[in-house]
Amino acid sequence: VQLQASGGGLVQAGGSLRLSCVASGIFFSLNDMAWYRQAPGKQREWVASVSITGHGDYADSVKDRATVSRDNAKNTIYLQMNNLKPEDTAVYYCNGLYAKFSWGQGTLVTVSS
């Protein structure tokens, strides 16, 4: 299993980013997928998930600012984050729902105030 996230970077508060994560070695279209993040000094937390039918669920901390989606043809999930806040600063990872796979490489998002 390989999970490769990308799209992070340095952005000012109020800005936007679109994260991508390509999965390989799994039956992607048969798995609910999710985004997680780990801020400095904190535990990893669930951010959003997308079901096999494309339905999204969101943590309260990002609700109304995030949109999760998937492209089964590309084995890729996306996370569009708008109105970014400094507290969104973290390394973002993708995984199956309930983190059922080994963790891959995350992508760092840094939001400056």
Protein backbone atom coordinates (compact mmCIF):
# COMPACT_ATOMS: atom_id res chain seq x y z
CA VAL A 1 0.00 0.00 0.00
CA GLN A 2 1.26 3.44 -0.90
CA LEU A 3 -0.46 6.67 0.05
CA GLN A 4 1.16 9.83 -1.27
CA ALA A 5 -0.24 13.21 -0.30
CA SER A 6 0.73 16.44 -2.01
CA GLY A 7 -0.36 20.02 -2.49
CA GLY A 8 0.63 21.52 0.83
CA GLY A 9 2.55 24.73 1.25
CA LEU A 10 2.74 28.07 2.98
CA VAL A 11 -0.39 30.18 2.71
CA GLN A 12 -1.70 33.27 4.47
CA ALA A 13 -4.73 33.11 6.68
CA GLY A 14 -7.85 33.32 4.57
CA GLY A 15 -6.22 31.59 1.64
CA SER A 16 -6.99 28.26 0.00
CA LEU A 17 -5.23 25.03 -0.85
CA ARG A 18 -6.17 21.86 -2.67
CA LEU A 19 -4.56 18.71 -1.36
CA SER A 20 -4.33 15.49 -3.36
CA CYS A 21 -3.56 11.94 -2.33
CA VAL A 22 -2.84 9.09 -4.69
CA ALA A 23 -3.35 5.55 -3.41
CA SER A 24 -1.87 2.39 -4.84
CA GLY A 25 -1.95 -1.22 -3.79
CA ILE A 26 -5.57 -1.13 -2.67
CA PHE A 27 -8.96 -1.59 -4.28
CA PHE A 28 -9.45 2.15 -4.17
CA SER A 29 -13.02 2.29 -5.46
CA LEU A 30 -14.13 -0.17 -2.78
CA ASN A 31 -12.76 1.82 0.13
CA ASP A 32 -14.09 4.76 2.07
CA MET A 33 -11.16 7.16 2.28
CA ALA A 34 -10.25 9.93 4.68
CA TRP A 35 -7.98 12.86 5.42
CA TYR A 36 -6.21 13.23 8.74
CA ARG A 37 -3.83 15.82 10.10
CA GLN A 38 -1.25 16.12 12.82
CA ALA A 39 -0.34 19.49 14.21
CA PRO A 40 2.96 20.06 16.00
CA GLY A 41 2.83 18.53 19.46
CA LYS A 42 -0.64 17.10 18.96
CA GLN A 43 -2.14 13.74 18.11
CA ARG A 44 -3.26 12.92 14.63
CA GLU A 45 -6.92 13.73 14.06
CA TRP A 46 -9.55 12.93 11.50
CA VAL A 47 -10.43 15.84 9.20
CA ALA A 48 -12.82 14.52 6.56
CA SER A 49 -13.88 11.35 4.82
CA VAL A 50 -15.42 10.43 1.50
CA SER A 51 -17.46 7.30 1.02
CA ILE A 52 -17.32 4.99 -1.97
CA THR A 53 -20.40 6.83 -3.25
CA GLY A 54 -18.74 10.22 -2.88
CA HIS A 55 -20.52 11.38 0.26
CA GLY A 56 -18.37 13.63 2.43
CA ASP A 57 -18.25 13.99 6.20
CA TYR A 58 -16.28 16.64 8.05
CA ALA A 59 -14.86 17.40 11.44
CA ASP A 60 -16.49 20.39 13.07
CA SER A 61 -13.19 22.27 12.89
CA VAL A 62 -13.24 22.34 9.07
CA LYS A 63 -16.93 22.06 8.31
CA ASP A 64 -18.11 24.76 5.88
CA ARG A 65 -14.49 25.42 4.86
CA ALA A 66 -13.52 22.07 3.36
CA THR A 67 -14.70 19.90 0.49
CA VAL A 68 -13.56 16.32 0.10
CA SER A 69 -13.87 14.47 -3.20
CA ARG A 70 -12.51 11.48 -5.05
CA ASP A 71 -11.65 10.39 -8.57
CA ASN A 72 -11.75 6.61 -8.76
CA ALA A 73 -10.25 6.60 -12.25
CA LYS A 74 -7.13 8.24 -10.80
CA ASN A 75 -7.12 6.48 -7.41
CA THR A 76 -7.02 9.95 -5.90
CA ILE A 77 -8.82 11.84 -3.19
CA TYR A 78 -8.80 15.60 -2.80
CA LEU A 79 -9.31 18.08 0.00
CA GLN A 80 -10.17 21.64 -0.92
CA MET A 81 -9.57 23.91 2.06
CA ASN A 82 -10.79 27.51 2.03
CA ASN A 83 -10.54 30.34 4.52
CA LEU A 84 -7.50 28.68 6.06
CA LYS A 85 -6.67 29.52 9.66
CA PRO A 86 -3.38 29.29 11.55
CA GLU A 87 -4.83 26.39 13.54
CA ASP A 88 -5.05 24.43 10.27
CA THR A 89 -1.25 24.23 10.26
CA ALA A 90 -0.37 20.53 10.26
CA VAL A 91 0.92 17.64 8.23
CA TYR A 92 -2.01 16.23 6.27
CA TYR A 93 -2.30 12.53 5.47
CA CYS A 94 -4.77 10.35 3.67
CA ASN A 95 -5.73 6.82 4.62
CA GLY A 96 -8.69 4.53 4.53
CA LEU A 97 -11.50 5.31 6.92
CA TYR A 98 -10.49 4.29 10.47
CA ALA A 99 -6.86 4.45 9.26
CA LYS A 100 -6.97 0.87 8.08
CA PHE A 101 -3.79 1.08 6.00
CA SER A 102 -0.19 1.87 6.79
CA TRP A 103 0.50 5.59 6.89
CA GLY A 104 2.13 7.12 3.87
CA GLN A 105 3.85 10.42 3.31
CA GLY A 106 1.94 13.47 4.35
CA THR A 107 2.03 17.02 3.06
CA LEU A 108 2.76 20.03 5.24
CA VAL A 109 0.32 22.90 5.35
CA THR A 110 1.51 26.06 7.07
CA VAL A 111 -0.91 28.93 7.55
CA SER A 112 0.57 32.25 8.56
CA SER A 113 -1.43 34.86 10.44
